[in-house]
Amino acid sequence: MLTLHQFPAPWDVCSGSCFCAKVEAFLRWQNIPHQVVSKVSLKGAPKGKVPFIVDEDGTHGDSEFIIAHLCEKYKLSPYAGLSAEQVGMTRAIRYLCEEGIYRATTYYRFVDDAGWAIIRDKFLADIPGWIRPIAEWKVRGYAKKQLYQHGMGRHSAGEIEQIVRGDIDALSAMLGDKAFFFGGEMHLADLTVFSVISNLVVPPFDNAASRYARSVENLVAHSERVRRICFGDAVPMKDAA
């Protein structure tokens, strides 16, 4: 059976990683039999990151390439019924979510002191004795370095808030009063948005991005709609009214 390796789901959301959440939602959406291994370790990850899957064809990493592999293997058409413009919008939405909102979320979890305290105590508390401070330094330092190299980490807190609010507003405007981004049926773009918005709305972080995301009613309702289709009652979004 296909095995999905991903970060744990500590806050009533399918995974603390938006990329893991997207892949698990896709597997459930397409009714692909699978099992989940939740772990903090990256051992066995082909690209040094999660998610990755292992099936009879081998090991596959990166959420986009995982989904592409699954579509080819199971003869799936995630863009069926969409126009060329909507397929292009799907890609634009992915970059807005995964290069904008995701990077800001990373800042609020690993650079912001209050957010880091939650991450540290939730994921690193079981590391014993003198090893823990070293692990904390490496994990936080790696995240800071990645953000700085990307460019998001070069901005001030106020500038990052401005960026993420603009990205959230853009998604809200595109969704409007529709059930899903392209009308009445769910598509891949909806899974992408669900994965980042649910990771802002549900976990117990109190920062500018999370507070603002919780105030945008159509995106909160959309995330709950996607969650119910993909997960049923397995992952209740308690904080999403």
C-alpha atoms as a PDB file:
ATOM      1  CA  MET A   1       0.000   0.000   0.000  1.00  0.00           C
ATOM      2  CA  LEU A   2       1.108   3.547  -0.711  1.00  0.00           C
ATOM      3  CA  THR A   3       2.635   5.187   2.361  1.00  0.00           C
ATOM      4  CA  LEU A   4       2.573   8.941   2.919  1.00  0.00           C
ATOM      5  CA  HIS A   5       5.329  10.246   5.184  1.00  0.00           C
ATOM      6  CA  GLN A   6       4.519  13.623   6.687  1.00  0.00           C
ATOM      7  CA  PHE A   7       4.836  15.870   9.716  1.00  0.00           C
ATOM      8  CA  PRO A   8       2.392  15.146  12.559  1.00  0.00           C
ATOM      9  CA  ALA A   9      -1.034  16.737  12.925  1.00  0.00           C
ATOM     10  CA  PRO A  10      -0.904  18.283  16.408  1.00  0.00           C
ATOM     11  CA  TRP A  11      -3.660  20.897  16.158  1.00  0.00           C
ATOM     12  CA  ASP A  12      -6.797  19.324  14.676  1.00  0.00           C
ATOM     13  CA  VAL A  13      -5.526  20.002  11.173  1.00  0.00           C
ATOM     14  CA  CYS A  14      -4.356  17.193   8.910  1.00  0.00           C
ATOM     15  CA  SER A  15      -0.678  18.221   9.115  1.00  0.00           C
ATOM     16  CA  GLY A  16       1.320  21.126  10.469  1.00  0.00           C
ATOM     17  CA  SER A  17       2.875  21.378   6.986  1.00  0.00           C
ATOM     18  CA  CYS A  18       0.730  22.824   4.206  1.00  0.00           C
ATOM     19  CA  PHE A  19       2.509  20.644   1.627  1.00  0.00           C
ATOM     20  CA  CYS A  20       1.752  17.490   3.604  1.00  0.00           C
ATOM     21  CA  ALA A  21      -1.830  18.621   4.113  1.00  0.00           C
ATOM     22  CA  LYS A  22      -2.272  19.134   0.377  1.00  0.00           C
ATOM     23  CA  VAL A  23      -1.003  15.657  -0.518  1.00  0.00           C
ATOM     24  CA  GLU A  24      -3.102  13.913   2.122  1.00  0.00           C
ATOM     25  CA  ALA A  25      -6.184  15.868   1.008  1.00  0.00           C
ATOM     26  CA  PHE A  26      -5.480  14.872  -2.596  1.00  0.00           C
ATOM     27  CA  LEU A  27      -5.167  11.185  -1.685  1.00  0.00           C
ATOM     28  CA  ARG A  28      -8.471  11.316   0.161  1.00  0.00           C
ATOM     29  CA  TRP A  29     -10.181  13.377  -2.561  1.00  0.00           C
ATOM     30  CA  GLN A  30      -9.214  10.812  -5.188  1.00  0.00           C
ATOM     31  CA  ASN A  31      -9.945   7.826  -2.909  1.00  0.00           C
ATOM     32  CA  ILE A  32      -6.423   6.425  -3.319  1.00  0.00           C
ATOM     33  CA  PRO A  33      -5.740   3.722  -0.704  1.00  0.00           C
ATOM     34  CA  HIS A  34      -2.888   4.791   1.538  1.00  0.00           C
ATOM     35  CA  GLN A  35      -1.471   4.787   5.020  1.00  0.00           C
ATOM     36  CA  VAL A  36       0.113   7.712   6.840  1.00  0.00           C
ATOM     37  CA  VAL A  37       3.352   7.740   8.804  1.00  0.00           C
ATOM     38  CA  SER A  38       3.582  10.912  10.882  1.00  0.00           C
ATOM     39  CA  LYS A  39       7.031  11.851  12.147  1.00  0.00           C
ATOM     40  CA  VAL A  40       9.315  14.799  12.701  1.00  0.00           C
ATOM     41  CA  SER A  41      12.339  12.982  11.244  1.00  0.00           C
ATOM     42  CA  LEU A  42      13.322  13.509   7.607  1.00  0.00           C
ATOM     43  CA  LYS A  43      15.022  10.111   7.369  1.00  0.00           C
ATOM     44  CA  GLY A  44      14.343   8.532   3.993  1.00  0.00           C
ATOM     45  CA  ALA A  45      13.088  11.761   2.402  1.00  0.00           C
ATOM     46  CA  PRO A  46      14.471  11.861  -1.166  1.00  0.00           C
ATOM     47  CA  LYS A  47      14.684  15.658  -1.246  1.00  0.00           C
ATOM     48  CA  GLY A  48      15.410  16.113   2.451  1.00  0.00           C
ATOM     49  CA  LYS A  49      11.857  17.329   3.040  1.00  0.00           C
ATOM     50  CA  VAL A  50       8.360  16.029   3.673  1.00  0.00           C
ATOM     51  CA  PRO A  51       5.982  15.012   2.334  1.00  0.00           C
ATOM     52  CA  PHE A  52       7.168  12.004   0.430  1.00  0.00           C
ATOM     53  CA  ILE A  53       5.431   8.826  -0.593  1.00  0.00           C
ATOM     54  CA  VAL A  54       6.618   5.262  -1.014  1.00  0.00           C
ATOM     55  CA  ASP A  55       4.790   2.918  -3.369  1.00  0.00           C
ATOM     56  CA  GLU A  56       5.669  -0.020  -5.600  1.00  0.00           C
ATOM     57  CA  ASP A  57       7.183   2.429  -8.108  1.00  0.00           C
ATOM     58  CA  GLY A  58       9.669   3.844  -5.602  1.00  0.00           C
ATOM     59  CA  THR A  59      10.022   6.913  -3.406  1.00  0.00           C
ATOM     60  CA  HIS A  60       8.696  10.281  -4.555  1.00  0.00           C
ATOM     61  CA  GLY A  61       9.188  13.695  -2.954  1.00  0.00           C
ATOM     62  CA  ASP A  62       7.785  17.230  -3.311  1.00  0.00           C
ATOM     63  CA  SER A  63       4.020  17.722  -3.204  1.00  0.00           C
ATOM     64  CA  GLU A  64       3.694  18.832  -6.832  1.00  0.00           C
ATOM     65  CA  PHE A  65       5.717  15.919  -8.193  1.00  0.00           C
ATOM     66  CA  ILE A  66       3.917  13.498  -5.900  1.00  0.00           C
ATOM     67  CA  ILE A  67       0.562  14.632  -7.253  1.00  0.00           C
ATOM     68  CA  ALA A  68       1.861  14.493 -10.833  1.00  0.00           C
ATOM     69  CA  HIS A  69       3.069  10.928 -10.229  1.00  0.00           C
ATOM     70  CA  LEU A  70      -0.289   9.918  -8.769  1.00  0.00           C
ATOM     71  CA  CYS A  71      -2.177  11.473 -11.676  1.00  0.00           C
ATOM     72  CA  GLU A  72      -0.058   9.563 -14.178  1.00  0.00           C
ATOM     73  CA  LYS A  73      -0.211   6.293 -12.259  1.00  0.00           C
ATOM     74  CA  TYR A  74      -3.956   6.325 -11.593  1.00  0.00           C
ATOM     75  CA  LYS A  75      -4.938   8.077 -14.842  1.00  0.00           C
ATOM     76  CA  LEU A  76      -6.402  11.064 -12.998  1.00  0.00           C
ATOM     77  CA  SER A  77      -7.344  14.401 -14.562  1.00  0.00           C
ATOM     78  CA  PRO A  78      -7.274  17.052 -11.823  1.00  0.00           C
ATOM     79  CA  TYR A  79      -7.896  19.825 -14.369  1.00  0.00           C
ATOM     80  CA  ALA A  80     -10.865  18.157 -16.053  1.00  0.00           C
ATOM     81  CA  GLY A  81     -13.573  20.673 -16.874  1.00  0.00           C
ATOM     82  CA  LEU A  82     -11.284  23.691 -16.460  1.00  0.00           C
ATOM     83  CA  SER A  83     -10.401  26.181 -19.169  1.00  0.00           C
ATOM     84  CA  ALA A  84      -6.800  27.005 -20.057  1.00  0.00           C
ATOM     85  CA  GLU A  85      -7.252  30.257 -18.120  1.00  0.00           C
ATOM     86  CA  GLN A  86      -8.405  28.384 -15.020  1.00  0.00           C
ATOM     87  CA  VAL A  87      -5.488  25.959 -15.266  1.00  0.00           C
ATOM     88  CA  GLY A  88      -3.204  28.996 -15.382  1.00  0.00           C
ATOM     89  CA  MET A  89      -5.000  30.476 -12.368  1.00  0.00           C
ATOM     90  CA  THR A  90      -4.447  27.202 -10.505  1.00  0.00           C
ATOM     91  CA  ARG A  91      -0.711  27.619 -10.952  1.00  0.00           C
ATOM     92  CA  ALA A  92      -0.829  31.292  -9.957  1.00  0.00           C
ATOM     93  CA  ILE A  93      -2.833  30.441  -6.821  1.00  0.00           C
ATOM     94  CA  ARG A  94      -0.263  27.788  -5.911  1.00  0.00           C
ATOM     95  CA  TYR A  95       2.593  30.287  -6.096  1.00  0.00           C
ATOM     96  CA  LEU A  96       0.623  32.876  -4.140  1.00  0.00           C
ATOM     97  CA  CYS A  97      -0.047  30.316  -1.401  1.00  0.00           C
ATOM     98  CA  GLU A  98       3.238  28.423  -1.315  1.00  0.00           C
ATOM     99  CA  GLU A  99       5.689  31.228  -2.027  1.00  0.00           C
ATOM    100  CA  GLY A 100       3.824  33.987  -0.218  1.00  0.00           C
ATOM    101  CA  ILE A 101       1.522  32.859   2.572  1.00  0.00           C
ATOM    102  CA  TYR A 102       3.568  29.762   3.400  1.00  0.00           C
ATOM    103  CA  ARG A 103       6.773  31.806   3.768  1.00  0.00           C
ATOM    104  CA  ALA A 104       5.021  34.291   6.026  1.00  0.00           C
ATOM    105  CA  THR A 105       3.622  31.404   8.088  1.00  0.00           C
ATOM    106  CA  THR A 106       7.150  30.056   8.455  1.00  0.00           C
ATOM    107  CA  TYR A 107       8.315  33.462   9.700  1.00  0.00           C
ATOM    108  CA  TYR A 108       5.587  33.562  12.348  1.00  0.00           C
ATOM    109  CA  ARG A 109       6.409  30.035  13.498  1.00  0.00           C
ATOM    110  CA  PHE A 110      10.198  30.066  13.538  1.00  0.00           C
ATOM    111  CA  VAL A 111      11.412  33.684  13.689  1.00  0.00           C
ATOM    112  CA  ASP A 112       8.707  35.280  15.828  1.00  0.00           C
ATOM    113  CA  ASP A 113       9.578  34.441  19.448  1.00  0.00           C
ATOM    114  CA  ALA A 114       6.019  33.629  20.545  1.00  0.00           C
ATOM    115  CA  GLY A 115       5.469  31.334  17.597  1.00  0.00           C
ATOM    116  CA  TRP A 116       8.824  29.631  18.042  1.00  0.00           C
ATOM    117  CA  ALA A 117       8.007  28.870  21.683  1.00  0.00           C
ATOM    118  CA  ILE A 118       4.919  26.942  20.552  1.00  0.00           C
ATOM    119  CA  ILE A 119       6.826  25.042  17.840  1.00  0.00           C
ATOM    120  CA  ARG A 120       9.708  24.251  20.198  1.00  0.00           C
ATOM    121  CA  ASP A 121       7.512  22.921  22.975  1.00  0.00           C
ATOM    122  CA  LYS A 122       5.247  20.964  20.637  1.00  0.00           C
ATOM    123  CA  PHE A 123       7.807  19.261  18.414  1.00  0.00           C
ATOM    124  CA  LEU A 124      11.097  19.256  20.293  1.00  0.00           C
ATOM    125  CA  ALA A 125      10.010  18.627  23.878  1.00  0.00           C
ATOM    126  CA  ASP A 126      10.887  14.923  23.753  1.00  0.00           C
ATOM    127  CA  ILE A 127      14.516  15.509  22.778  1.00  0.00           C
ATOM    128  CA  PRO A 128      16.568  14.595  25.855  1.00  0.00           C
ATOM    129  CA  GLY A 129      18.963  16.641  27.979  1.00  0.00           C
ATOM    130  CA  TRP A 130      21.843  18.552  26.495  1.00  0.00           C
ATOM    131  CA  ILE A 131      20.897  17.582  22.932  1.00  0.00           C
ATOM    132  CA  ARG A 132      17.727  19.687  22.944  1.00  0.00           C
ATOM    133  CA  PRO A 133      19.361  23.168  22.894  1.00  0.00           C
ATOM    134  CA  ILE A 134      21.519  22.056  19.961  1.00  0.00           C
ATOM    135  CA  ALA A 135      18.488  20.706  18.105  1.00  0.00           C
ATOM    136  CA  GLU A 136      16.562  23.914  18.776  1.00  0.00           C
ATOM    137  CA  TRP A 137      19.436  26.031  17.491  1.00  0.00           C
ATOM    138  CA  LYS A 138      19.770  23.936  14.326  1.00  0.00           C
ATOM    139  CA  VAL A 139      16.045  23.809  13.528  1.00  0.00           C
ATOM    140  CA  ARG A 140      15.407  27.506  14.102  1.00  0.00           C
ATOM    141  CA  GLY A 141      18.650  28.537  12.455  1.00  0.00           C
ATOM    142  CA  TYR A 142      17.868  26.472   9.349  1.00  0.00           C
ATOM    143  CA  ALA A 143      14.411  28.057   9.039  1.00  0.00           C
ATOM    144  CA  LYS A 144      15.831  31.559   9.435  1.00  0.00           C
ATOM    145  CA  LYS A 145      18.511  30.883   6.829  1.00  0.00           C
ATOM    146  CA  GLN A 146      15.972  29.519   4.343  1.00  0.00           C
ATOM    147  CA  LEU A 147      13.710  32.530   4.810  1.00  0.00           C
ATOM    148  CA  TYR A 148      16.585  34.964   4.398  1.00  0.00           C
ATOM    149  CA  GLN A 149      17.791  33.266   1.227  1.00  0.00           C
ATOM    150  CA  HIS A 150      14.262  33.263  -0.149  1.00  0.00           C
ATOM    151  CA  GLY A 151      13.894  36.979   0.579  1.00  0.00           C
ATOM    152  CA  MET A 152      10.971  36.950   3.009  1.00  0.00           C
ATOM    153  CA  GLY A 153      13.384  36.902   5.939  1.00  0.00           C
ATOM    154  CA  ARG A 154      14.915  40.200   4.817  1.00  0.00           C
ATOM    155  CA  HIS A 155      11.679  42.080   5.535  1.00  0.00           C
ATOM    156  CA  SER A 156      10.540  43.656   8.787  1.00  0.00           C
ATOM    157  CA  ALA A 157       7.624  42.209  10.734  1.00  0.00           C
ATOM    158  CA  GLY A 158       5.414  45.034   9.520  1.00  0.00           C
ATOM    159  CA  GLU A 159       6.364  44.414   5.898  1.00  0.00           C
ATOM    160  CA  ILE A 160       5.674  40.688   6.223  1.00  0.00           C
ATOM    161  CA  GLU A 161       2.260  41.443   7.689  1.00  0.00           C
ATOM    162  CA  GLN A 162       1.540  43.732   4.733  1.00  0.00           C
ATOM    163  CA  ILE A 163       2.556  40.984   2.282  1.00  0.00           C
ATOM    164  CA  VAL A 164       0.495  38.216   3.873  1.00  0.00           C
ATOM    165  CA  ARG A 165      -2.594  40.386   4.286  1.00  0.00           C
ATOM    166  CA  GLY A 166      -2.375  41.299   0.605  1.00  0.00           C
ATOM    167  CA  ASP A 167      -2.064  37.633  -0.373  1.00  0.00           C
ATOM    168  CA  ILE A 168      -5.042  36.645   1.789  1.00  0.00           C
ATOM    169  CA  ASP A 169      -7.096  39.503   0.349  1.00  0.00           C
ATOM    170  CA  ALA A 170      -6.240  38.332  -3.180  1.00  0.00           C
ATOM    171  CA  LEU A 171      -7.466  34.808  -2.433  1.00  0.00           C
ATOM    172  CA  SER A 172     -10.632  36.133  -0.813  1.00  0.00           C
ATOM    173  CA  ALA A 173     -11.372  38.331  -3.823  1.00  0.00           C
ATOM    174  CA  MET A 174     -10.843  35.441  -6.253  1.00  0.00           C
ATOM    175  CA  LEU A 175     -13.115  33.155  -4.244  1.00  0.00           C
ATOM    176  CA  GLY A 176     -15.853  35.736  -3.756  1.00  0.00           C
ATOM    177  CA  ASP A 177     -19.168  34.149  -2.875  1.00  0.00           C
ATOM    178  CA  LYS A 178     -18.502  30.902  -4.758  1.00  0.00           C
ATOM    179  CA  ALA A 179     -18.344  27.557  -2.976  1.00  0.00           C
ATOM    180  CA  PHE A 180     -15.012  26.787  -4.656  1.00  0.00           C
ATOM    181  CA  PHE A 181     -12.537  28.797  -6.684  1.00  0.00           C
ATOM    182  CA  PHE A 182     -13.920  27.712 -10.043  1.00  0.00           C
ATOM    183  CA  GLY A 183     -17.582  27.405  -9.154  1.00  0.00           C
ATOM    184  CA  GLY A 184     -19.552  24.588  -7.614  1.00  0.00           C
ATOM    185  CA  GLU A 185     -16.977  21.801  -7.846  1.00  0.00           C
ATOM    186  CA  MET A 186     -13.721  21.341  -5.964  1.00  0.00           C
ATOM    187  CA  HIS A 187     -10.448  21.347  -7.895  1.00  0.00           C
ATOM    188  CA  LEU A 188      -6.744  21.210  -7.120  1.00  0.00           C
ATOM    189  CA  ALA A 189      -6.564  24.943  -6.422  1.00  0.00           C
ATOM    190  CA  ASP A 190      -9.033  24.458  -3.566  1.00  0.00           C
ATOM    191  CA  LEU A 191      -6.757  21.882  -1.924  1.00  0.00           C
ATOM    192  CA  THR A 192      -3.818  24.267  -2.165  1.00  0.00           C
ATOM    193  CA  VAL A 193      -5.733  27.117  -0.535  1.00  0.00           C
ATOM    194  CA  PHE A 194      -7.175  24.807   2.126  1.00  0.00           C
ATOM    195  CA  SER A 195      -3.701  23.597   3.080  1.00  0.00           C
ATOM    196  CA  VAL A 196      -2.333  27.080   3.820  1.00  0.00           C
ATOM    197  CA  ILE A 197      -5.455  28.728   5.238  1.00  0.00           C
ATOM    198  CA  SER A 198      -6.250  25.844   7.603  1.00  0.00           C
ATOM    199  CA  ASN A 199      -2.681  26.031   8.874  1.00  0.00           C
ATOM    200  CA  LEU A 200      -3.261  29.691   9.718  1.00  0.00           C
ATOM    201  CA  VAL A 201      -6.769  29.396  11.127  1.00  0.00           C
ATOM    202  CA  VAL A 202      -6.602  26.259  13.276  1.00  0.00           C
ATOM    203  CA  PRO A 203      -3.269  26.125  15.170  1.00  0.00           C
ATOM    204  CA  PRO A 204      -3.074  28.189  18.391  1.00  0.00           C
ATOM    205  CA  PHE A 205      -0.776  30.909  17.094  1.00  0.00           C
ATOM    206  CA  ASP A 206      -1.654  34.499  17.901  1.00  0.00           C
ATOM    207  CA  ASN A 207       0.030  36.559  15.225  1.00  0.00           C
ATOM    208  CA  ALA A 208      -0.954  39.095  12.586  1.00  0.00           C
ATOM    209  CA  ALA A 209      -1.382  36.510   9.825  1.00  0.00           C
ATOM    210  CA  SER A 210      -3.460  34.060  11.858  1.00  0.00           C
ATOM    211  CA  ARG A 211      -5.691  36.758  13.311  1.00  0.00           C
ATOM    212  CA  TYR A 212      -6.325  38.240   9.885  1.00  0.00           C
ATOM    213  CA  ALA A 213      -6.983  34.863   8.242  1.00  0.00           C
ATOM    214  CA  ARG A 214      -9.555  34.019  10.926  1.00  0.00           C
ATOM    215  CA  SER A 215     -11.400  37.249  10.113  1.00  0.00           C
ATOM    216  CA  VAL A 216     -11.838  36.459   6.392  1.00  0.00           C
ATOM    217  CA  GLU A 217     -15.118  34.612   6.478  1.00  0.00           C
ATOM    218  CA  ASN A 218     -15.268  33.236   2.935  1.00  0.00           C
ATOM    219  CA  LEU A 219     -11.813  31.631   3.180  1.00  0.00           C
ATOM    220  CA  VAL A 220     -12.550  30.117   6.598  1.00  0.00           C
ATOM    221  CA  ALA A 221     -15.828  28.688   5.266  1.00  0.00           C
ATOM    222  CA  HIS A 222     -14.054  27.417   2.138  1.00  0.00           C
ATOM    223  CA  SER A 223     -11.418  25.609   4.200  1.00  0.00           C
ATOM    224  CA  GLU A 224     -14.096  23.955   6.291  1.00  0.00           C
ATOM    225  CA  ARG A 225     -15.934  22.933   3.103  1.00  0.00           C
ATOM    226  CA  VAL A 226     -12.817  21.303   1.649  1.00  0.00           C
ATOM    227  CA  ARG A 227     -12.005  19.633   4.949  1.00  0.00           C
ATOM    228  CA  ARG A 228     -15.428  18.037   5.155  1.00  0.00           C
ATOM    229  CA  ILE A 229     -15.166  16.641   1.626  1.00  0.00           C
ATOM    230  CA  CYS A 230     -11.667  15.237   2.102  1.00  0.00           C
ATOM    231  CA  PHE A 231     -11.594  14.332   5.780  1.00  0.00           C
ATOM    232  CA  GLY A 232     -15.173  14.176   6.986  1.00  0.00           C
ATOM    233  CA  ASP A 233     -15.160  14.366  10.764  1.00  0.00           C
ATOM    234  CA  ALA A 234     -11.637  12.956  11.069  1.00  0.00           C
ATOM    235  CA  VAL A 235      -9.970  16.372  11.461  1.00  0.00           C
ATOM    236  CA  PRO A 236     -12.368  18.883  13.052  1.00  0.00           C
ATOM    237  CA  MET A 237     -11.410  22.516  12.506  1.00  0.00           C
ATOM    238  CA  LYS A 238     -12.533  23.600  15.958  1.00  0.00           C
ATOM    239  CA  ASP A 239     -11.478  27.211  15.555  1.00  0.00           C
ATOM    240  CA  ALA A 240     -13.146  27.654  12.170  1.00  0.00           C
ATOM    241  CA  ALA A 241     -16.663  28.891  12.892  1.00  0.00           C
END
